[in-house]
Amino acid sequence: NAAFLVGHQTLRISEVSDLYQPAKHDEIVTMRAHVAEAMDAGAIGLSTGLFYPPARAASTDEVVALTEIAGAAGGLYATHLRDEGSKLLESVQEALEIGLRSNAPVVLSHHKASGVANHGRVKESLPLIREARKTQKVALDVYPYIASSTVLLAERVADSAKVLITWSEPMPEVAGRDLAELAMEYQQSPEKMVDRLQPAGAIYFSMAEEDVQEVISFEDTMIGSDGIPHDEKPHPRLWGTFPRVLGHYVREVGLLSLEEAVRRMTSVPATVFGLRERGLISEGSFADIVIFDPETILDSASFDQPTQPAQGIDAVMNNGTFIWWAGKPTGECPGRALRRV
């Protein structure tokens, strides 16, 4: 099943003449029309990645103007914050402001404090979120790893303890390699090596385990994979997120109860994203069911071998049809596009 968001960067790339400047009035008007069209077609809200170059120049007012259309249609605002490092708190406050001004629920995507110098700052951001939840709809999700993954950016390299290359167009053979080792091998600075690899993707070891556990423990935090399927050497979260929470953080660490972890993966996101008759096993609901052994479920995917199937999952049912059985896919494809209701 898939529910779709309107991508802010897609709108900007389509309509904004200079991506390094705020959108002009007429460009915003056109983008608003596209948001309305997408919402009418079944989108569940607007998403932004304000950290990324195509969207960095967007003003708060620009984002509010677009989110207003999504909010008026019953949609939400999901955001990769403008800054998850030294300006984490300001970025959280911006997202909350956008939600208030546009009358749209806010979802903070894969909440974290990024960069070695910012470890521990979720102890400041989470109270902000808790306070905001008293007066507006705010949700957040997390993936259970200390490393993130996205396009290769020099600025992300500088604040990471380690960087792995996930793909490179000019040098596909280096997928999975350590950037620092490559730089030494080619006798170049890491910055020069980044330029040589472009366009490329990377995994950044930039978070603290204590922070990850703090966010997972926060009330109603949803679990999300944020996986990128096309990477040659993807982040293991694509294959391991949910079994890692159930096996490692529930059974081994005891961070959550099994029931609470399952709730964070099912009924909580179904409620946040407005997916009616999903997320619960109840009469009349859609049968989206995972059958697993709580004593053996565990992620097998690692940063060295990121596409290993998890242990302990016996069967998966989607809309009442088995799609995984006896250790392999059944070939059935009963998924559908979902609307927010």
Protein backbone atom coordinates (compact mmCIF):
# COMPACT_ATOMS: atom_id res chain seq x y z
CA ASN A 1 0.00 0.00 0.00
CA ALA A 2 1.20 3.52 -0.63
CA ALA A 3 0.01 6.96 0.43
CA PHE A 4 1.48 9.89 -1.48
CA LEU A 5 2.68 13.35 -0.49
CA VAL A 6 3.18 16.36 -2.78
CA GLY A 7 6.93 17.02 -2.96
CA HIS A 8 7.94 20.64 -2.37
CA GLN A 9 11.21 20.19 -4.26
CA THR A 10 9.32 18.75 -7.23
CA LEU A 11 7.14 21.86 -7.27
CA ARG A 12 10.14 24.18 -7.05
CA ILE A 13 12.13 22.41 -9.75
CA SER A 14 9.08 22.55 -11.99
CA GLU A 15 8.10 26.18 -11.45
CA VAL A 16 10.85 28.29 -9.79
CA SER A 17 13.20 29.95 -12.28
CA ASP A 18 16.07 30.34 -9.78
CA LEU A 19 16.25 27.60 -7.15
CA TYR A 20 18.77 29.64 -5.18
CA GLN A 21 16.19 32.38 -4.55
CA PRO A 22 12.81 32.47 -2.80
CA ALA A 23 9.92 31.76 -5.16
CA LYS A 24 8.26 34.78 -6.77
CA HIS A 25 4.58 35.57 -6.24
CA ASP A 26 3.45 34.18 -9.60
CA GLU A 27 5.53 31.03 -9.05
CA ILE A 28 3.88 30.47 -5.67
CA VAL A 29 0.46 30.91 -7.26
CA THR A 30 1.26 28.24 -9.84
CA MET A 31 2.66 25.87 -7.21
CA ARG A 32 -0.45 26.34 -5.08
CA ALA A 33 -2.54 25.26 -8.06
CA HIS A 34 -0.40 22.13 -8.43
CA VAL A 35 -0.85 21.32 -4.73
CA ALA A 36 -4.63 21.68 -5.10
CA GLU A 37 -4.60 19.40 -8.15
CA ALA A 38 -2.54 16.76 -6.31
CA MET A 39 -4.72 16.87 -3.21
CA ASP A 40 -7.79 16.42 -5.38
CA ALA A 41 -6.09 13.41 -6.97
CA GLY A 42 -5.64 11.77 -3.56
CA ALA A 43 -2.39 13.10 -2.04
CA ILE A 44 -2.36 13.12 1.77
CA GLY A 45 -0.34 16.30 2.25
CA LEU A 46 2.78 18.32 1.42
CA SER A 47 6.33 17.22 2.18
CA THR A 48 9.43 19.39 2.36
CA GLY A 49 13.16 18.75 2.51
CA LEU A 50 14.29 22.24 3.43
CA PHE A 51 17.83 21.03 4.15
CA TYR A 52 18.42 20.11 0.50
CA PRO A 53 19.79 22.57 -2.09
CA PRO A 54 16.66 22.80 -4.32
CA ALA A 55 14.59 23.95 -1.33
CA ARG A 56 17.00 25.81 0.95
CA ALA A 57 16.16 29.22 -0.47
CA ALA A 58 12.45 28.74 0.17
CA SER A 59 11.13 31.13 2.80
CA THR A 60 8.83 30.11 5.62
CA ASP A 61 6.11 32.18 3.94
CA GLU A 62 6.51 30.21 0.70
CA VAL A 63 6.06 26.91 2.52
CA VAL A 64 3.06 28.25 4.46
CA ALA A 65 1.42 29.37 1.22
CA LEU A 66 1.67 25.85 -0.20
CA THR A 67 0.80 24.03 3.01
CA GLU A 68 -2.36 26.13 3.35
CA ILE A 69 -3.75 24.39 0.28
CA ALA A 70 -2.91 20.94 1.63
CA GLY A 71 -4.34 21.81 5.06
CA ALA A 72 -7.58 23.14 3.59
CA ALA A 73 -8.01 19.80 1.79
CA GLY A 74 -7.53 17.85 5.03
CA GLY A 75 -3.85 17.11 4.39
CA LEU A 76 -0.80 17.31 6.62
CA TYR A 77 2.67 18.85 6.50
CA ALA A 78 5.59 16.38 6.66
CA THR A 79 9.06 17.84 6.83
CA HIS A 80 12.73 17.00 6.80
CA LEU A 81 13.77 19.99 8.88
CA ARG A 82 15.82 22.87 7.52
CA ASP A 83 18.64 22.04 9.94
CA GLU A 84 19.08 19.00 12.18
CA GLY A 85 22.40 20.23 13.54
CA SER A 86 23.32 23.48 15.29
CA LYS A 87 19.97 25.09 14.37
CA LEU A 88 17.81 22.12 15.29
CA LEU A 89 15.62 24.04 17.74
CA GLU A 90 15.01 26.93 15.34
CA SER A 91 14.10 24.44 12.62
CA VAL A 92 11.62 22.62 14.85
CA GLN A 93 10.05 25.96 15.73
CA GLU A 94 9.78 26.85 12.02
CA ALA A 95 7.97 23.58 11.29
CA LEU A 96 5.56 24.18 14.16
CA GLU A 97 4.91 27.72 12.92
CA ILE A 98 4.15 26.43 9.43
CA GLY A 99 1.65 23.98 10.87
CA LEU A 100 -0.07 26.65 12.94
CA ARG A 101 -0.25 29.23 10.16
CA SER A 102 -1.51 26.73 7.58
CA ASN A 103 -3.85 24.86 9.93
CA ALA A 104 -2.22 21.53 9.00
CA PRO A 105 -1.01 18.70 11.23
CA VAL A 106 2.81 18.49 11.35
CA VAL A 107 4.95 15.37 10.97
CA LEU A 108 8.66 15.77 11.79
CA SER A 109 10.39 13.18 9.63
CA HIS A 110 13.18 11.00 11.12
CA HIS A 111 13.81 13.27 14.07
CA LYS A 112 17.43 13.45 15.19
CA ALA A 113 20.34 15.64 16.29
CA SER A 114 22.94 15.39 13.54
CA GLY A 115 26.66 16.07 13.87
CA VAL A 116 29.06 15.14 16.63
CA ALA A 117 28.93 18.65 18.10
CA ASN A 118 25.14 18.38 18.47
CA HIS A 119 24.86 15.07 20.27
CA GLY A 120 22.41 15.33 23.15
CA ARG A 121 20.31 18.14 21.68
CA VAL A 122 17.18 16.00 21.33
CA LYS A 123 16.86 16.58 25.08
CA GLU A 124 16.04 20.16 24.05
CA SER A 125 13.99 19.49 20.92
CA LEU A 126 11.68 16.84 22.37
CA PRO A 127 10.32 19.12 25.14
CA LEU A 128 9.53 21.72 22.43
CA ILE A 129 7.53 19.08 20.57
CA ARG A 130 5.78 17.90 23.74
CA GLU A 131 4.70 21.46 24.58
CA ALA A 132 3.47 22.12 21.02
CA ARG A 133 1.34 18.97 21.10
CA LYS A 134 -0.84 20.63 23.73
CA THR A 135 -2.16 23.13 21.18
CA GLN A 136 -1.62 21.61 17.71
CA LYS A 137 -1.32 18.24 15.98
CA VAL A 138 2.36 17.25 15.89
CA ALA A 139 3.83 13.81 15.21
CA LEU A 140 7.34 12.51 14.59
CA ASP A 141 9.10 9.40 13.37
CA VAL A 142 12.54 7.86 13.82
CA TYR A 143 14.71 5.15 12.30
CA PRO A 144 16.70 2.98 14.75
CA TYR A 145 20.26 3.70 13.57
CA ILE A 146 23.04 6.17 14.36
CA ALA A 147 23.71 6.73 10.65
CA SER A 148 21.67 8.61 8.05
CA SER A 149 21.73 8.28 4.27
CA THR A 150 21.18 10.71 1.42
CA VAL A 151 23.07 12.35 -1.43
CA LEU A 152 26.79 12.97 -0.97
CA LEU A 153 27.28 16.50 0.39
CA ALA A 154 30.62 17.96 1.50
CA GLU A 155 29.02 19.75 4.45
CA ARG A 156 27.64 16.46 5.80
CA VAL A 157 31.07 14.85 5.59
CA ALA A 158 32.59 17.44 7.90
CA ASP A 159 30.26 16.67 10.84
CA SER A 160 30.28 12.86 10.52
CA ALA A 161 32.52 10.38 12.30
CA LYS A 162 32.51 8.10 9.24
CA VAL A 163 31.10 8.20 5.69
CA LEU A 164 30.29 5.24 3.43
CA ILE A 165 29.58 5.69 -0.28
CA THR A 166 26.28 4.10 -1.36
CA TRP A 167 26.58 4.88 -5.09
CA SER A 168 28.62 7.01 -7.47
CA GLU A 169 27.82 7.69 -11.10
CA PRO A 170 31.43 8.21 -12.29
CA MET A 171 32.88 5.56 -9.94
CA PRO A 172 30.24 2.83 -9.41
CA GLU A 173 32.90 0.38 -8.24
CA VAL A 174 33.38 2.25 -4.92
CA ALA A 175 29.85 1.59 -3.59
CA GLY A 176 30.18 0.45 0.01
CA ARG A 177 33.65 1.96 0.49
CA ASP A 178 34.75 4.33 3.27
CA LEU A 179 35.27 7.91 2.01
CA ALA A 180 38.37 8.48 4.19
CA GLU A 181 40.01 5.31 2.85
CA LEU A 182 39.21 6.32 -0.73
CA ALA A 183 40.72 9.76 -0.15
CA MET A 184 43.93 8.18 1.14
CA GLU A 185 44.00 5.67 -1.73
CA TYR A 186 43.65 8.41 -4.34
CA GLN A 187 45.91 10.80 -2.38
CA GLN A 188 43.26 13.50 -2.25
CA SER A 189 41.55 15.46 0.48
CA PRO A 190 38.07 14.24 1.47
CA GLU A 191 36.65 17.40 -0.10
CA LYS A 192 38.35 16.69 -3.44
CA MET A 193 37.23 13.08 -3.25
CA VAL A 194 33.63 14.20 -2.77
CA ASP A 195 33.90 16.28 -5.95
CA ARG A 196 35.40 13.35 -7.85
CA LEU A 197 32.55 11.01 -6.84
CA GLN A 198 29.67 13.31 -7.81
CA PRO A 199 26.84 12.67 -8.34
CA ALA A 200 26.79 10.17 -5.50
CA GLY A 201 25.08 9.03 -2.32
CA ALA A 202 26.41 8.35 1.16
CA ILE A 203 25.76 6.99 4.64
CA TYR A 204 26.77 9.39 7.42
CA PHE A 205 27.62 8.18 10.94
CA SER A 206 26.64 11.40 12.68
CA MET A 207 24.24 10.56 15.53
CA ALA A 208 24.55 9.33 19.11
CA GLU A 209 22.98 6.06 20.25
CA GLU A 210 21.67 7.77 23.40
CA ASP A 211 19.81 10.30 21.23
CA VAL A 212 18.32 7.57 19.04
CA GLN A 213 17.00 5.80 22.13
CA GLU A 214 15.68 9.07 23.54
CA VAL A 215 13.62 9.71 20.40
CA ILE A 216 12.37 6.12 20.20
CA SER A 217 11.25 6.39 23.83
CA PHE A 218 9.35 9.66 23.28
CA GLU A 219 5.59 9.27 23.44
CA ASP A 220 3.95 8.17 20.17
CA THR A 221 7.13 8.36 18.09
CA MET A 222 6.44 6.40 14.90
CA ILE A 223 8.97 3.96 13.44
CA GLY A 224 9.98 4.66 9.83
CA SER A 225 12.61 3.16 7.56
CA ASP A 226 13.46 6.11 5.24
CA GLY A 227 15.08 3.56 2.93
CA ILE A 228 16.41 4.43 -0.53
CA PRO A 229 15.89 1.41 -2.82
CA HIS A 230 17.97 2.51 -5.82
CA ASP A 231 21.28 2.82 -3.94
CA GLU A 232 23.90 0.26 -5.00
CA LYS A 233 24.87 -0.28 -1.33
CA PRO A 234 21.84 1.03 0.57
CA HIS A 235 21.49 1.83 4.23
CA PRO A 236 20.47 -1.37 6.10
CA ARG A 237 17.39 0.44 7.42
CA LEU A 238 15.71 -0.39 4.10
CA TRP A 239 15.70 -4.08 5.10
CA GLY A 240 16.12 -3.99 8.86
CA THR A 241 14.24 -1.11 10.51
CA PHE A 242 11.16 -2.81 11.93
CA PRO A 243 12.73 -6.14 12.95
CA ARG A 244 15.61 -4.18 14.51
CA VAL A 245 13.18 -2.34 16.77
CA LEU A 246 11.28 -5.54 17.67
CA GLY A 247 14.41 -7.66 18.15
CA HIS A 248 17.08 -5.30 19.42
CA TYR A 249 15.29 -2.43 21.14
CA VAL A 250 12.36 -4.45 22.49
CA ARG A 251 13.78 -7.89 23.28
CA GLU A 252 17.48 -7.15 23.87
CA VAL A 253 17.47 -3.57 25.23
CA GLY A 254 14.00 -3.44 26.76
CA LEU A 255 13.44 0.13 25.57
CA LEU A 256 9.77 -0.49 24.70
CA SER A 257 7.29 -3.26 25.35
CA LEU A 258 6.44 -5.45 22.36
CA GLU A 259 2.87 -4.13 22.32
CA GLU A 260 4.01 -0.50 22.40
CA ALA A 261 6.53 -1.04 19.60
CA VAL A 262 3.88 -2.67 17.41
CA ARG A 263 1.52 0.24 18.15
CA ARG A 264 4.18 2.72 16.99
CA MET A 265 4.39 0.82 13.67
CA THR A 266 0.67 0.34 13.07
CA SER A 267 -2.18 2.22 14.74
CA VAL A 268 -0.20 5.37 15.49
CA PRO A 269 0.87 6.03 11.86
CA ALA A 270 -2.57 4.96 10.58
CA THR A 271 -4.11 7.62 12.81
CA VAL A 272 -1.51 10.31 12.02
CA PHE A 273 -1.80 9.82 8.27
CA GLY A 274 -5.58 9.42 8.31
CA LEU A 275 -5.70 5.87 6.96
CA ARG A 276 -9.15 4.62 7.88
CA GLU A 277 -9.72 0.99 8.92
CA ARG A 278 -5.99 0.28 9.01
CA GLY A 279 -3.44 -0.19 11.76
CA LEU A 280 -5.65 -2.38 13.94
CA ILE A 281 -6.71 -6.01 13.83
CA SER A 282 -10.47 -5.63 14.15
CA GLU A 283 -13.63 -6.75 12.40
CA GLY A 284 -14.17 -4.75 9.23
CA SER A 285 -10.59 -3.47 9.00
CA PHE A 286 -8.23 -4.24 6.13
CA ALA A 287 -6.08 -7.30 6.85
CA ASP A 288 -2.56 -5.85 6.72
CA ILE A 289 -0.85 -8.36 9.01
CA VAL A 290 2.71 -9.43 9.82
CA ILE A 291 3.12 -12.80 11.59
CA PHE A 292 6.45 -12.97 13.44
CA ASP A 293 8.12 -14.80 16.31
CA PRO A 294 8.90 -12.30 19.11
CA GLU A 295 11.66 -14.60 20.39
CA THR A 296 13.61 -14.70 17.12
CA ILE A 297 12.72 -11.62 15.07
CA LEU A 298 15.87 -9.59 14.39
CA ASP A 299 17.43 -7.56 11.61
CA SER A 300 20.12 -9.33 9.58
CA ALA A 301 20.97 -6.36 7.36
CA SER A 302 24.28 -4.67 8.21
CA PHE A 303 26.27 -1.82 6.72
CA ASP A 304 28.53 -4.42 5.06
CA GLN A 305 25.61 -6.59 3.87
CA PRO A 306 22.63 -4.23 3.79
CA THR A 307 20.11 -6.35 1.86
CA GLN A 308 19.89 -9.41 4.10
CA PRO A 309 16.30 -10.45 4.92
CA ALA A 310 15.31 -10.31 8.58
CA GLN A 311 14.94 -13.34 10.81
CA GLY A 312 11.71 -14.46 12.47
CA ILE A 313 9.07 -13.21 10.02
CA ASP A 314 6.81 -16.07 8.97
CA ALA A 315 4.18 -14.37 6.82
CA VAL A 316 2.97 -11.00 5.60
CA MET A 317 -0.59 -10.29 4.49
CA ASN A 318 -1.63 -7.18 2.55
CA ASN A 319 -5.32 -6.39 2.08
CA GLY A 320 -6.16 -9.97 3.05
CA THR A 321 -3.73 -11.63 0.63
CA PHE A 322 -0.46 -13.31 1.62
CA ILE A 323 2.50 -11.61 -0.08
CA TRP A 324 5.25 -13.34 1.97
CA TRP A 325 5.07 -17.00 2.96
CA ALA A 326 7.60 -19.72 3.83
CA GLY A 327 10.59 -17.41 3.46
CA LYS A 328 9.81 -15.95 0.04
CA PRO A 329 7.37 -13.64 -1.76
CA THR A 330 4.21 -15.22 -3.12
CA GLY A 331 4.09 -13.07 -6.25
CA GLU A 332 0.74 -11.56 -5.31
CA CYS A 333 0.41 -7.77 -5.62
CA PRO A 334 -2.74 -6.65 -3.76
CA GLY A 335 -1.44 -3.22 -2.70
CA ARG A 336 -3.28 -0.04 -3.53
CA ALA A 337 -3.01 3.73 -3.35
CA LEU A 338 -4.42 5.11 -0.09
CA ARG A 339 -6.18 8.40 0.57
CA ARG A 340 -6.34 10.39 3.78
CA VAL A 341 -9.83 10.44 5.28
